[in-house]
Amino acid sequence: MSALPPVPDLETLLSGGKRAMAQALAAVETRRGTPGLVALLDAAARAGRALTLGLTGPPGVGKSTLTNALVQRARAAGLRVAVLAVDPSSRRTGGALLGDRARMKTDPDDRDVFVRSMAARDRLGGLSDDAVAAVVLLRAAYDLVIVETVGVGQSEADISLVADTVVLCIQPGSGDSLQFMKAGVMELPDIVVVTKADMVEVARRAQSEVAGALSLSGAGTRGWTVPVIRLSATQGEGLDAFDRAVTDHRAFLGTEDRRARLRAEQERKWVDEAVRVRFGTWGLALARRMTISAATPFAREAELAARLTSRQD
């Protein structure tokens, strides 16, 4: 049996380009909980600098087309970009089914664009623990990280575990806005995009319906009003307005320590979710009563896992 490749340290990850990142992501899937990987993930969490955009919405809404456009605009602005596409899992292999990921158009020779697909595994929320760890690594090494998830629904809000800005994509004429009202997910997005704006009247009607649903749900946080943008990524319509909305939300997070508080809450949830997935609700309840010496999220997860495992033996 061949030996597993070594886990890179943070310095190697940041200087080693796509090869080092691919090696680190492979370690995420094969070395969960090992000291080297825990140290790398905690260091990457502290170094995380990228704006992380989470794109979610039903299949076929145009998330990959929008991602393509965002990557091209970011590269034109000189930004280094990573894309993590979280796809449904194959029932046979457990691996990612690429789906419309084949529509992603990036230059393989561009060292400053990194694209990876990962399987959702059995997580209803769309993000496995491996995907959370992958985002942590990517946002330490790139300027912009785009996370594209399987879909959206009441139980599918995991994108908020990693995103600074959550973008909900809605297709006009599909009844999505009414479904989202029923599903109770209108509190999820920071920005709503109505795709395929070339369907002019239908797109305007969808925009109005979504704006009404947002106002009724009380979406957004104090001081932030969720914008609803009509957009056609293929024609370039609405992309400037989208960029302004993202910039405005980033500035909003930069005030009153909001981004630091958001990421601290995300880290707490990472640990809770990792424990719950591995040990169930009994394990999570027990873990919350334990006094843990580790201060960083992945070290806390590893310490809790070791102690809970010993309780099972």
Protein backbone atom coordinates (compact mmCIF):
# COMPACT_ATOMS: atom_id res chain seq x y z
CA MET A 1 0.00 0.00 0.00
CA SER A 2 1.43 3.39 -1.01
CA ALA A 3 2.11 5.95 1.69
CA LEU A 4 -0.19 8.94 1.95
CA PRO A 5 1.36 12.23 0.81
CA PRO A 6 2.48 14.52 3.62
CA VAL A 7 0.19 17.29 4.88
CA PRO A 8 1.64 20.66 3.84
CA ASP A 9 2.07 23.41 6.39
CA LEU A 10 0.45 26.82 5.88
CA GLU A 11 3.55 28.40 4.34
CA THR A 12 3.78 25.61 1.77
CA LEU A 13 0.06 25.88 1.07
CA LEU A 14 0.30 29.61 0.38
CA SER A 15 3.42 29.38 -1.80
CA GLY A 16 2.93 26.02 -3.49
CA GLY A 17 0.18 26.89 -5.96
CA LYS A 18 -2.43 24.45 -7.22
CA ARG A 19 -0.36 21.36 -6.44
CA ALA A 20 -0.04 22.21 -2.74
CA MET A 21 -3.74 23.05 -2.53
CA ALA A 22 -4.72 19.78 -4.20
CA GLN A 23 -2.47 17.92 -1.75
CA ALA A 24 -4.06 19.69 1.22
CA LEU A 25 -7.58 18.93 -0.03
CA ALA A 26 -6.65 15.28 -0.48
CA ALA A 27 -5.49 15.25 3.14
CA VAL A 28 -8.88 16.64 4.21
CA GLU A 29 -10.54 13.55 2.77
CA THR A 30 -8.00 11.00 4.06
CA ARG A 31 -6.54 12.36 7.31
CA ARG A 32 -9.43 13.81 9.24
CA GLY A 33 -8.46 14.49 12.85
CA THR A 34 -4.72 13.83 12.48
CA PRO A 35 -2.41 16.34 14.24
CA GLY A 36 -0.85 17.63 11.01
CA LEU A 37 -4.16 18.33 9.33
CA VAL A 38 -5.67 19.85 12.48
CA ALA A 39 -2.69 22.22 12.74
CA LEU A 40 -2.99 23.21 9.08
CA LEU A 41 -6.74 23.83 9.27
CA ASP A 42 -6.49 25.94 12.42
CA ALA A 43 -3.65 27.98 10.91
CA ALA A 44 -5.67 28.47 7.72
CA ALA A 45 -8.73 29.52 9.73
CA ARG A 46 -6.67 32.24 11.42
CA ALA A 47 -5.21 33.35 8.08
CA GLY A 48 -8.52 33.39 6.19
CA ARG A 49 -8.61 36.60 4.17
CA ALA A 50 -10.76 35.88 1.12
CA LEU A 51 -14.25 37.17 0.58
CA THR A 52 -16.36 34.01 0.52
CA LEU A 53 -19.46 34.10 -1.68
CA GLY A 54 -22.01 31.33 -1.21
CA LEU A 55 -24.23 30.72 -4.23
CA THR A 56 -27.30 28.58 -3.66
CA GLY A 57 -30.56 27.91 -5.42
CA PRO A 58 -32.37 25.10 -7.24
CA PRO A 59 -30.72 23.05 -10.02
CA GLY A 60 -30.82 24.73 -13.42
CA VAL A 61 -31.22 28.25 -12.06
CA GLY A 62 -27.91 29.36 -13.59
CA LYS A 63 -25.47 29.21 -10.67
CA SER A 64 -22.63 27.81 -12.78
CA THR A 65 -23.18 30.41 -15.49
CA LEU A 66 -23.07 33.15 -12.87
CA THR A 67 -19.95 31.60 -11.33
CA ASN A 68 -18.24 31.65 -14.73
CA ALA A 69 -19.01 35.34 -15.13
CA LEU A 70 -17.82 36.16 -11.60
CA VAL A 71 -14.55 34.29 -12.11
CA GLN A 72 -13.86 36.15 -15.35
CA ARG A 73 -14.59 39.54 -13.79
CA ALA A 74 -12.48 38.77 -10.74
CA ARG A 75 -9.52 37.69 -12.86
CA ALA A 76 -9.87 40.84 -14.98
CA ALA A 77 -9.56 42.79 -11.70
CA GLY A 78 -6.40 40.88 -10.81
CA LEU A 79 -7.95 38.76 -8.05
CA ARG A 80 -6.99 35.16 -7.35
CA VAL A 81 -10.15 33.01 -7.37
CA ALA A 82 -11.14 29.60 -6.06
CA VAL A 83 -14.41 27.79 -6.75
CA LEU A 84 -15.74 24.94 -4.64
CA ALA A 85 -18.69 23.27 -6.32
CA VAL A 86 -20.58 21.00 -3.92
CA ASP A 87 -22.44 18.43 -5.99
CA PRO A 88 -24.87 15.61 -5.23
CA SER A 89 -23.20 12.34 -4.31
CA SER A 90 -23.15 9.25 -6.49
CA ARG A 91 -25.16 6.49 -4.79
CA ARG A 92 -22.64 3.94 -6.10
CA THR A 93 -19.28 5.56 -5.32
CA GLY A 94 -20.14 8.37 -2.89
CA GLY A 95 -18.21 10.76 -5.13
CA ALA A 96 -19.41 14.00 -6.67
CA LEU A 97 -21.67 13.94 -9.71
CA LEU A 98 -20.41 16.83 -11.80
CA GLY A 99 -23.77 17.74 -13.32
CA ASP A 100 -23.64 21.18 -14.94
CA ARG A 101 -20.15 21.67 -13.49
CA ALA A 102 -19.00 20.60 -16.97
CA ARG A 103 -20.15 24.07 -18.07
CA MET A 104 -17.45 25.72 -15.98
CA LYS A 105 -15.03 27.40 -18.36
CA THR A 106 -11.66 28.20 -16.82
CA ASP A 107 -8.16 28.26 -18.23
CA PRO A 108 -6.27 25.24 -16.82
CA ASP A 109 -3.02 27.15 -17.29
CA ASP A 110 -4.17 30.07 -15.13
CA ARG A 111 -2.35 29.53 -11.82
CA ASP A 112 -4.66 31.99 -10.09
CA VAL A 113 -7.90 30.07 -10.66
CA PHE A 114 -8.59 26.87 -8.74
CA VAL A 115 -11.78 24.82 -9.25
CA ARG A 116 -12.75 21.73 -7.27
CA SER A 117 -15.93 19.63 -7.04
CA MET A 118 -16.78 17.84 -3.80
CA ALA A 119 -19.59 15.48 -2.91
CA ALA A 120 -22.35 16.57 -0.56
CA ARG A 121 -22.23 13.06 1.01
CA ASP A 122 -25.36 12.52 3.13
CA ARG A 123 -25.72 16.08 4.33
CA LEU A 124 -29.15 17.56 3.62
CA GLY A 125 -27.65 20.98 4.07
CA GLY A 126 -25.35 20.52 1.12
CA LEU A 127 -21.97 20.95 2.86
CA SER A 128 -20.09 17.99 4.29
CA ASP A 129 -17.44 18.46 6.97
CA ASP A 130 -14.84 17.96 4.23
CA ALA A 131 -16.35 20.86 2.27
CA VAL A 132 -16.17 23.15 5.32
CA ALA A 133 -12.48 22.26 5.76
CA ALA A 134 -11.86 22.84 2.04
CA VAL A 135 -13.33 26.35 2.24
CA VAL A 136 -11.09 27.12 5.22
CA LEU A 137 -8.03 26.17 3.15
CA LEU A 138 -9.17 28.04 0.04
CA ARG A 139 -9.97 31.30 1.77
CA ALA A 140 -6.47 31.39 3.28
CA ALA A 141 -4.85 31.19 -0.17
CA TYR A 142 -7.14 33.16 -2.50
CA ASP A 143 -8.74 36.60 -2.72
CA LEU A 144 -12.22 35.39 -3.65
CA VAL A 145 -13.78 32.01 -2.88
CA ILE A 146 -17.07 31.05 -4.53
CA VAL A 147 -18.95 28.14 -2.98
CA GLU A 148 -21.74 26.74 -5.13
CA THR A 149 -24.12 24.36 -3.38
CA VAL A 150 -26.53 21.61 -4.37
CA GLY A 151 -29.78 23.47 -3.75
CA VAL A 152 -31.84 25.30 -1.19
CA GLY A 153 -34.62 24.47 1.23
CA GLN A 154 -35.53 24.80 4.87
CA SER A 155 -33.01 22.15 5.91
CA GLU A 156 -30.43 23.24 3.36
CA ALA A 157 -28.90 26.34 4.93
CA ASP A 158 -25.38 25.00 5.47
CA ILE A 159 -23.95 27.57 3.07
CA SER A 160 -24.15 30.06 5.93
CA LEU A 161 -21.53 27.97 7.77
CA VAL A 162 -18.82 29.22 5.43
CA ALA A 163 -20.05 32.21 3.42
CA ASP A 164 -19.50 35.85 4.26
CA THR A 165 -22.18 36.75 1.72
CA VAL A 166 -24.99 34.32 0.85
CA VAL A 167 -26.47 34.73 -2.63
CA LEU A 168 -29.81 33.06 -3.34
CA CYS A 169 -30.50 32.52 -7.05
CA ILE A 170 -34.11 32.36 -8.26
CA GLN A 171 -35.35 31.56 -11.75
CA PRO A 172 -38.25 33.65 -13.09
CA GLY A 173 -41.45 31.86 -13.98
CA SER A 174 -40.59 28.79 -11.92
CA GLY A 175 -42.61 29.54 -8.80
CA ASP A 176 -39.36 29.59 -6.79
CA SER A 177 -40.29 32.70 -4.84
CA LEU A 178 -43.48 31.11 -3.51
CA GLN A 179 -41.64 27.88 -2.69
CA PHE A 180 -39.02 29.79 -0.75
CA MET A 181 -41.71 31.62 1.20
CA LYS A 182 -43.24 28.24 2.15
CA ALA A 183 -39.85 26.74 2.98
CA GLY A 184 -38.98 29.59 5.31
CA VAL A 185 -35.57 30.33 3.83
CA MET A 186 -36.03 34.03 3.18
CA GLU A 187 -33.94 34.80 6.26
CA LEU A 188 -30.98 33.04 4.60
CA PRO A 189 -29.69 35.33 1.81
CA ASP A 190 -27.74 38.57 1.97
CA ILE A 191 -28.37 39.12 -1.75
CA VAL A 192 -31.10 37.67 -3.98
CA VAL A 193 -30.50 37.27 -7.71
CA VAL A 194 -33.31 36.73 -10.21
CA THR A 195 -31.54 34.99 -13.07
CA LYS A 196 -32.31 35.02 -16.78
CA ALA A 197 -33.30 38.68 -16.76
CA ASP A 198 -33.69 38.54 -20.55
CA MET A 199 -37.14 37.09 -19.74
CA VAL A 200 -38.00 40.71 -19.06
CA GLU A 201 -41.59 40.79 -17.79
CA VAL A 202 -41.41 37.44 -16.02
CA ALA A 203 -38.14 38.46 -14.36
CA ARG A 204 -39.63 41.75 -13.18
CA ARG A 205 -42.63 39.95 -11.73
CA ALA A 206 -40.34 37.50 -9.91
CA GLN A 207 -38.28 40.39 -8.58
CA SER A 208 -41.42 42.03 -7.20
CA GLU A 209 -42.65 38.77 -5.62
CA VAL A 210 -39.29 38.15 -3.95
CA ALA A 211 -39.06 41.71 -2.67
CA GLY A 212 -42.53 41.30 -1.16
CA ALA A 213 -41.60 37.97 0.43
CA LEU A 214 -38.47 39.52 1.93
CA SER A 215 -40.40 42.40 3.41
CA LEU A 216 -42.91 40.03 5.01
CA SER A 217 -40.22 37.73 6.41
CA GLY A 218 -38.13 40.49 7.94
CA ALA A 219 -35.07 39.18 6.09
CA GLY A 220 -31.66 40.70 6.56
CA THR A 221 -29.87 41.79 9.68
CA ARG A 222 -30.08 45.09 11.47
CA GLY A 223 -28.70 47.78 9.20
CA TRP A 224 -28.74 45.61 6.05
CA THR A 225 -31.55 45.47 3.49
CA VAL A 226 -31.37 42.47 1.16
CA PRO A 227 -31.17 43.70 -2.46
CA VAL A 228 -33.02 41.82 -5.22
CA ILE A 229 -31.15 42.03 -8.52
CA ARG A 230 -32.29 40.97 -11.97
CA LEU A 231 -29.32 39.45 -13.76
CA SER A 232 -28.41 37.72 -17.01
CA ALA A 233 -24.89 36.34 -16.71
CA THR A 234 -24.75 35.35 -20.38
CA GLN A 235 -25.59 38.89 -21.54
CA GLY A 236 -23.76 40.72 -18.76
CA GLU A 237 -26.93 42.41 -17.56
CA GLY A 238 -27.02 43.19 -13.85
CA LEU A 239 -23.43 42.14 -13.12
CA ASP A 240 -22.35 45.68 -12.21
CA ALA A 241 -25.29 45.96 -9.80
CA PHE A 242 -24.34 42.58 -8.35
CA ASP A 243 -20.74 43.70 -7.83
CA ARG A 244 -21.97 46.84 -6.03
CA ALA A 245 -24.21 44.76 -3.77
CA VAL A 246 -21.32 42.44 -2.86
CA THR A 247 -19.04 45.42 -2.21
CA ASP A 248 -21.71 47.07 -0.05
CA HIS A 249 -22.24 43.90 1.98
CA ARG A 250 -18.50 43.47 2.48
CA ALA A 251 -18.32 47.04 3.77
CA PHE A 252 -21.29 46.34 6.04
CA LEU A 253 -19.49 43.32 7.51
CA GLY A 254 -16.44 45.50 8.06
CA THR A 255 -18.31 47.73 10.52
CA GLU A 256 -19.02 47.05 14.19
CA ASP A 257 -16.82 43.92 14.11
CA ARG A 258 -19.54 42.04 12.20
CA ARG A 259 -17.22 39.87 10.10
CA ALA A 260 -15.19 38.72 13.12
CA ARG A 261 -18.39 37.87 15.01
CA LEU A 262 -19.81 36.06 11.97
CA ARG A 263 -16.72 33.90 11.58
CA ALA A 264 -16.52 33.16 15.30
CA GLU A 265 -20.12 31.94 15.20
CA GLN A 266 -19.37 29.86 12.10
CA GLU A 267 -16.43 28.20 13.87
CA ARG A 268 -18.62 27.31 16.84
CA LYS A 269 -21.14 25.73 14.48
CA TRP A 270 -18.42 23.79 12.63
CA VAL A 271 -17.50 22.03 15.85
CA ASP A 272 -21.12 21.37 16.82
CA GLU A 273 -22.00 19.98 13.39
CA ALA A 274 -18.90 17.79 13.17
CA VAL A 275 -19.67 16.29 16.58
CA ARG A 276 -23.35 15.84 15.79
CA VAL A 277 -22.66 14.11 12.45
CA ARG A 278 -20.15 11.71 14.01
CA PHE A 279 -21.68 11.07 17.42
CA GLY A 280 -25.33 12.07 17.08
CA THR A 281 -27.38 14.32 19.31
CA TRP A 282 -26.33 12.45 22.46
CA GLY A 283 -22.69 13.16 21.64
CA LEU A 284 -23.38 16.82 20.97
CA ALA A 285 -25.26 17.19 24.26
CA LEU A 286 -22.40 15.52 26.10
CA ALA A 287 -19.77 17.59 24.30
CA ARG A 288 -21.46 20.82 25.31
CA ARG A 289 -20.99 19.87 28.95
CA MET A 290 -17.30 19.09 28.56
CA THR A 291 -14.49 21.50 29.48
CA ILE A 292 -12.12 21.62 26.52
CA SER A 293 -8.56 22.95 26.63
CA ALA A 294 -8.21 23.59 22.88
CA ALA A 295 -9.04 27.13 21.78
CA THR A 296 -9.10 26.72 17.97
CA PRO A 297 -12.00 25.05 16.13
CA PHE A 298 -10.36 22.02 14.55
CA ALA A 299 -8.32 21.27 17.67
CA ARG A 300 -11.54 21.50 19.69
CA GLU A 301 -13.25 19.08 17.31
CA ALA A 302 -10.33 16.64 17.55
CA GLU A 303 -10.25 16.81 21.35
CA LEU A 304 -14.00 16.30 21.63
CA ALA A 305 -13.88 13.41 19.16
CA ALA A 306 -11.13 11.69 21.15
CA ARG A 307 -12.99 12.08 24.44
CA LEU A 308 -16.34 10.98 23.03
CA THR A 309 -14.74 7.97 21.35
CA SER A 310 -13.23 6.92 24.67
CA ARG A 311 -16.70 7.16 26.23
CA GLN A 312 -18.01 4.73 23.60
CA ASP A 313 -15.28 2.13 24.20
